[in-house]
Protein backbone atom coordinates (compact mmCIF):
# COMPACT_ATOMS: atom_id res chain seq x y z
CA MET A 1 -11.92 13.88 -14.41
CA SER A 2 -11.31 10.75 -16.50
CA ALA A 3 -12.34 7.18 -15.34
CA SER A 4 -8.87 6.14 -14.48
CA THR A 5 -8.24 9.29 -12.72
CA ARG A 6 -11.39 7.81 -9.81
CA TRP A 7 -10.33 4.78 -10.04
CA PHE A 8 -6.42 5.42 -9.50
CA GLY A 9 -8.25 7.79 -6.00
CA TRP A 10 -9.96 4.87 -5.05
CA ILE A 11 -6.56 2.49 -5.22
CA THR A 12 -5.25 5.02 -3.10
CA VAL A 13 -7.40 4.99 -0.74
CA MET A 14 -8.23 0.97 -0.71
CA LEU A 15 -3.68 0.99 -0.31
CA VAL A 16 -4.48 3.05 3.25
CA LEU A 17 -7.20 0.82 4.44
CA HIS A 18 -5.35 -2.46 3.75
CA MET A 19 -1.85 -1.09 5.22
CA THR A 20 -4.64 -0.15 8.31
CA GLU A 21 -6.29 -3.85 8.80
CA GLN A 22 -2.93 -4.96 7.91
CA LEU A 23 -1.81 -3.09 11.57
CA ILE A 24 -4.57 -4.23 13.40
CA PHE A 25 -4.91 -7.53 12.79
CA GLY A 26 -1.14 -8.70 11.99
CA LEU A 27 1.25 -8.07 9.63
CA GLN A 28 1.90 -12.41 9.02
CA GLU A 29 3.67 -11.18 5.68
CA LEU A 30 6.36 -8.83 7.60
CA GLN A 31 7.82 -12.85 8.26
CA ASN A 32 8.31 -13.74 4.88
CA LEU A 33 9.39 -10.09 4.42
CA LYS A 34 11.94 -10.29 6.63
CA ARG A 35 13.63 -13.12 5.14
CA MET A 36 13.72 -11.61 1.69
CA ILE A 37 15.28 -8.61 3.42
CA ALA A 38 17.72 -11.07 4.97
CA ALA A 39 18.68 -12.91 2.09
CA TYR A 40 19.18 -9.65 0.25
CA ASP A 41 21.14 -7.87 2.88
CA SER A 42 23.71 -10.69 2.30
CA TRP A 43 25.30 -9.79 -0.46
CA PHE A 44 26.70 -6.85 0.99
CA SER A 45 29.29 -6.25 3.52
CA ASN A 46 27.10 -3.59 4.88
CA VAL A 47 23.83 -3.74 5.80
CA ASP A 48 23.10 0.47 5.98
CA THR A 49 24.59 0.02 1.83
CA ALA A 50 21.84 -2.64 1.31
CA THR A 51 19.71 -0.36 2.92
CA VAL A 52 20.85 2.47 0.72
CA VAL A 53 21.04 1.24 -2.37
CA LEU A 54 16.77 -0.23 -2.13
CA VAL A 55 16.16 3.07 -1.19
CA THR A 56 17.69 4.28 -4.17
CA ILE A 57 16.19 1.65 -6.04
CA GLY A 58 12.87 2.28 -4.79
CA ALA A 59 12.90 5.53 -5.08
CA GLY A 60 14.16 5.62 -8.68
CA LEU A 61 11.37 3.25 -9.63
CA LEU A 62 8.91 5.59 -8.42
CA PHE A 63 10.14 8.73 -9.93
CA PHE A 64 10.57 6.97 -13.05
CA ALA A 65 7.07 6.16 -13.25
CA ILE A 66 6.42 9.97 -12.39
CA PHE A 67 8.42 10.85 -15.24
CA CYS A 68 6.32 8.42 -17.50
CA ILE A 69 3.28 9.61 -16.58
CA LEU A 70 4.32 13.49 -17.24
CA LYS A 71 6.00 12.40 -20.68
CA GLY A 72 2.55 10.76 -21.79
CA GLY A 73 1.64 8.48 -24.63
CA ARG A 74 2.76 4.63 -24.01
CA ALA A 75 5.36 5.69 -21.73
CA ARG A 76 2.31 6.86 -19.07
CA ILE A 77 0.12 4.18 -19.92
CA ALA A 78 2.65 1.48 -19.07
CA ALA A 79 3.41 3.46 -15.88
CA LEU A 80 -0.27 3.33 -15.06
CA VAL A 81 -0.51 -0.40 -15.64
CA ALA A 82 2.72 -1.01 -13.77
CA LEU A 83 0.68 0.49 -10.61
CA GLY A 84 -2.43 -1.16 -11.56
CA LEU A 85 -1.10 -4.65 -11.79
CA ILE A 86 0.58 -4.06 -7.81
CA ALA A 87 -3.15 -3.53 -6.97
CA VAL A 88 -4.80 -6.78 -8.77
CA SER A 89 -1.62 -8.43 -7.34
CA GLU A 90 -2.82 -7.85 -3.93
CA VAL A 91 -5.10 -11.05 -4.88
CA HIS A 92 -2.66 -13.20 -3.08
CA HIS A 93 -4.67 -12.31 0.10
CA LEU A 94 -7.37 -14.24 -1.13
CA ILE A 95 -5.53 -17.10 -2.00
CA GLU A 96 -3.89 -17.22 1.07
CA THR A 97 -6.89 -17.26 2.71
CA GLY A 98 -7.88 -20.01 0.93
CA PHE A 99 -5.06 -22.73 1.54
CA ALA A 100 -5.24 -21.40 5.42
CA GLY A 101 -9.22 -22.08 5.15
CA HIS A 102 -9.48 -19.55 7.61
CA TYR A 103 -9.57 -15.03 7.60
CA THR A 104 -5.88 -13.86 7.08
CA PRO A 105 -4.90 -10.31 7.66
CA GLY A 106 -5.43 -8.03 4.41
CA THR A 107 -8.27 -10.48 3.15
CA VAL A 108 -11.53 -8.23 3.97
CA THR A 109 -9.52 -5.42 1.91
CA ALA A 110 -7.87 -6.87 -0.91
CA ILE A 111 -11.27 -7.91 -2.26
CA PRO A 112 -12.12 -4.08 -2.66
CA PHE A 113 -8.29 -3.26 -3.77
CA VAL A 114 -8.52 -5.80 -6.88
CA ALA A 115 -11.79 -5.10 -7.94
CA CYS A 116 -10.50 -1.19 -8.06
CA GLY A 117 -7.04 -2.51 -9.49
CA VAL A 118 -9.50 -4.56 -12.35
CA LEU A 119 -11.59 -1.21 -13.01
CA PHE A 120 -8.81 1.04 -12.97
CA LEU A 121 -6.67 -1.21 -15.57
CA ARG A 122 -10.25 -1.81 -17.66
CA ALA A 123 -10.72 2.12 -17.81
CA LEU A 124 -6.98 2.75 -18.92
CA ILE A 125 -7.40 0.49 -21.54
CA LYS A 126 -10.34 2.20 -22.60
CA GLU A 127 -8.80 5.48 -22.73
CA TYR A 128 -6.00 4.28 -24.59
CA ARG A 129 -8.06 2.63 -26.80
CA ALA A 130 -9.97 5.77 -27.59
CA ASP A 131 -7.17 8.27 -28.07
CA LYS A 132 -5.87 5.93 -30.47
CA ALA A 133 -8.97 6.19 -32.48
CA ILE A 134 -8.40 10.17 -32.03
CA ASP A 135 -4.83 9.61 -32.93
CA SER A 136 -5.80 7.68 -36.06
CA SER A 137 -8.42 9.22 -37.66
CA ALA A 138 -6.44 12.65 -36.97
CA ALA A 139 -3.56 10.97 -38.80
CA ARG A 140 -5.85 10.63 -41.78
CA GLN A 141 -7.23 14.16 -42.47
CA PRO A 142 -6.01 16.00 -45.08
CA ALA A 143 -4.14 19.21 -43.97
CA VAL A 144 -5.74 22.03 -44.56
CA ALA A 145 -4.54 25.02 -46.11
CA VAL A 146 -4.64 28.60 -44.68
């Protein structure tokens, strides 16, 4: 198993733990999300239509990421970097806690979540460079007649 696969597995575990922490200790972010969703819903004459469009966009992005991963090459790296950046973006919990001056829900698990994201991205970069070096050296090899 490659290092990036292992770190992505840990990101998945941390996601579950992170959401569990927020469910237990409070969903302060939920109020902000509700405001954003209300603003988004106002763009449509029907809230159900807004929901279906949002779900379609989310599912479309998920399936596009899976397609890119299956395609391989640069598309795989781009999709995986995007997923890794989602984990790294959880640093916002640490910033919120710093401004609040006290614990805010999500902070405890945000630390290893962000660390796993950074280590995942680092592993991806190493693997990409190694693959690129192999491809480069293979391209320089003369063709062998059989």
